[in-house]
Amino acid sequence: MQDALLYVVITLLMSAVLAAFGLPFLVAAWAFARATRGALGEATRLALAAAIAAIGIAPTYDAYRGPLPITIRLLRGEPVPPVAAAVSLLVTWLLFLALAWALARRRSDGRLAMRS
């Protein structure tokens, strides 16, 4: 439990670095969500956009518990344990999906309130 808490704290402290490395993926996720607004259902669109963002930001940790996105480690030729990468990607995707859903709901609630 203590190790899991340590990883959460490290990831939160390094979130700006992870976001900087993942910026192209965040922009791609935003562009995808905007481009498919009328073509896909809301849930599908948000899930796919969250997956694009998660691919660019999902962290993996080295021996010193330093987080770097999985994509950066793979580009550097460093080994990435497949199970750890899958868990990290899944957790990151779920977090982005929850964030995207909350933002979409807030946006739609704001529109409803303005129309009343």
Protein backbone atom coordinates (compact mmCIF):
# COMPACT_ATOMS: atom_id res chain seq x y z
CA MET A 1 0.00 0.00 0.00
CA GLN A 2 2.83 2.35 0.87
CA ASP A 3 4.50 1.75 -2.51
CA ALA A 4 1.27 2.51 -4.36
CA LEU A 5 0.87 5.76 -2.42
CA LEU A 6 4.47 6.66 -3.21
CA TYR A 7 3.86 6.15 -6.94
CA VAL A 8 0.73 8.32 -6.77
CA VAL A 9 2.62 11.14 -5.06
CA ILE A 10 5.55 10.94 -7.48
CA THR A 11 3.21 10.93 -10.47
CA LEU A 12 1.27 13.93 -9.16
CA LEU A 13 4.47 15.87 -8.53
CA MET A 14 5.78 15.03 -12.00
CA SER A 15 2.47 15.54 -13.82
CA ALA A 16 3.68 18.75 -15.49
CA VAL A 17 6.65 16.89 -16.99
CA LEU A 18 4.41 14.04 -18.14
CA ALA A 19 1.99 16.54 -19.70
CA ALA A 20 4.86 18.33 -21.46
CA PHE A 21 6.10 15.08 -22.99
CA GLY A 22 2.54 14.11 -23.90
CA LEU A 23 1.53 17.49 -25.33
CA PRO A 24 1.35 16.26 -28.95
CA PHE A 25 -1.01 13.49 -27.83
CA LEU A 26 -3.13 15.93 -25.82
CA VAL A 27 -3.46 18.17 -28.87
CA ALA A 28 -4.30 15.16 -31.04
CA ALA A 29 -6.97 14.04 -28.54
CA TRP A 30 -8.50 17.53 -28.50
CA ALA A 31 -8.44 17.74 -32.31
CA PHE A 32 -10.01 14.28 -32.59
CA ALA A 33 -12.78 15.19 -30.15
CA ARG A 34 -13.52 18.40 -32.07
CA ALA A 35 -13.39 16.76 -35.50
CA THR A 36 -15.71 13.87 -34.59
CA ARG A 37 -18.25 15.91 -32.64
CA GLY A 38 -21.12 15.19 -35.06
CA ALA A 39 -19.91 11.85 -36.44
CA LEU A 40 -19.60 9.76 -33.25
CA GLY A 41 -21.71 9.36 -30.16
CA GLU A 42 -20.62 11.30 -27.08
CA ALA A 43 -19.43 8.25 -25.11
CA THR A 44 -17.45 6.79 -28.02
CA ARG A 45 -15.88 10.12 -28.89
CA LEU A 46 -14.81 10.78 -25.29
CA ALA A 47 -13.46 7.23 -24.84
CA LEU A 48 -11.35 7.43 -28.00
CA ALA A 49 -10.06 10.92 -27.20
CA ALA A 50 -9.15 9.77 -23.68
CA ALA A 51 -7.31 6.78 -25.17
CA ILE A 52 -5.27 9.05 -27.45
CA ALA A 53 -4.29 11.25 -24.51
CA ALA A 54 -3.51 8.25 -22.29
CA ILE A 55 -1.16 6.74 -24.88
CA GLY A 56 0.98 9.88 -24.73
CA ILE A 57 1.01 10.38 -20.97
CA ALA A 58 0.75 6.95 -19.30
CA PRO A 59 3.84 6.74 -17.07
CA THR A 60 6.29 3.95 -16.55
CA TYR A 61 8.92 4.05 -13.82
CA ASP A 62 12.65 3.36 -13.80
CA ALA A 63 14.74 1.87 -11.00
CA TYR A 64 14.77 5.25 -9.22
CA ARG A 65 10.96 5.60 -9.52
CA GLY A 66 11.30 8.38 -12.04
CA PRO A 67 8.19 8.54 -14.25
CA LEU A 68 8.42 8.96 -18.00
CA PRO A 69 5.69 8.29 -20.57
CA ILE A 70 5.74 4.79 -22.01
CA THR A 71 6.12 6.21 -25.52
CA ILE A 72 9.32 8.06 -24.56
CA ARG A 73 10.85 4.95 -23.00
CA LEU A 74 10.01 2.90 -26.10
CA LEU A 75 11.51 5.55 -28.40
CA ARG A 76 14.70 5.50 -26.32
CA GLY A 77 14.89 1.72 -26.68
CA GLU A 78 14.46 1.11 -22.95
CA PRO A 79 12.68 -2.03 -21.79
CA VAL A 80 9.08 -1.54 -20.66
CA PRO A 81 7.43 -4.42 -18.79
CA PRO A 82 4.23 -5.22 -20.75
CA VAL A 83 2.02 -5.83 -17.70
CA ALA A 84 3.14 -2.63 -15.97
CA ALA A 85 2.62 -0.69 -19.20
CA ALA A 86 -0.88 -2.13 -19.67
CA VAL A 87 -1.90 -1.32 -16.09
CA SER A 88 -0.48 2.20 -16.37
CA LEU A 89 -2.24 2.77 -19.69
CA LEU A 90 -5.55 1.47 -18.31
CA VAL A 91 -5.40 3.62 -15.17
CA THR A 92 -4.42 6.71 -17.17
CA TRP A 93 -7.21 6.06 -19.69
CA LEU A 94 -9.77 5.72 -16.90
CA LEU A 95 -8.59 8.98 -15.32
CA PHE A 96 -8.77 10.84 -18.64
CA LEU A 97 -12.16 9.32 -19.39
CA ALA A 98 -13.53 10.47 -16.03
CA LEU A 99 -12.08 13.95 -16.60
CA ALA A 100 -13.49 14.19 -20.13
CA TRP A 101 -16.90 12.97 -18.97
CA ALA A 102 -16.95 15.49 -16.09
CA LEU A 103 -15.95 18.35 -18.38
CA ALA A 104 -18.54 17.37 -21.00
CA ARG A 105 -21.23 17.15 -18.35
CA ARG A 106 -20.27 20.50 -16.87
CA ARG A 107 -20.30 22.08 -20.33
CA SER A 108 -23.74 20.67 -21.12
CA ASP A 109 -25.10 21.71 -17.69
CA GLY A 110 -23.81 25.24 -18.32
CA ARG A 111 -25.55 25.38 -21.67
CA LEU A 112 -28.81 24.20 -20.12
CA ALA A 113 -28.59 26.79 -17.38
CA MET A 114 -27.94 29.57 -19.90
CA ARG A 115 -30.97 28.58 -21.99
CA SER A 116 -33.38 28.65 -19.02
